[in-house]
Amino acid sequence: MSIRGDQFMWLLVMFDLPVKTKQERKHATQFRQFLLRDGYMMLQWSNYVRICNGLERSQKHIERLKAHVPPKGSVRLLHITDRQYGRMQILLGTTREKRQERHEKRGHQLVLF
């Protein structure tokens, strides 16, 4: 499978940064702020995504990202097509209210012992 140059691409950045010291927290905050300034959206706490128009633009953002990686911790980058991103599945757990609702629909369970 090849990637065309005019295709929309998604950059998914996942990171785990240390935040024990004041300096580490500062680096982590600066990195998050850089991601937001560079057009990334937060998917989850340490997962950010950005759409790019074409392979060339996405390479430009990858180079920009590499220049802002904090000195400690790990940052992972996944480069995927718009079609692949569109196949993402969002799995949600049930809330306590929904579990309670289901329990009430089933009725009370008979306890034998």
Foldseek 3Di string as FASTA:
>chain_A
DDDDFQFKKKKKKAWDFDDPDPVRVVLVVVLVVVCVVVAWDDPDDRITMHIDGGDVRVVVVVVVNVVSDDPDTDMDIDMGTPVVVVPDDDDDDDDPVVVVVVCVVVPDDDDDD
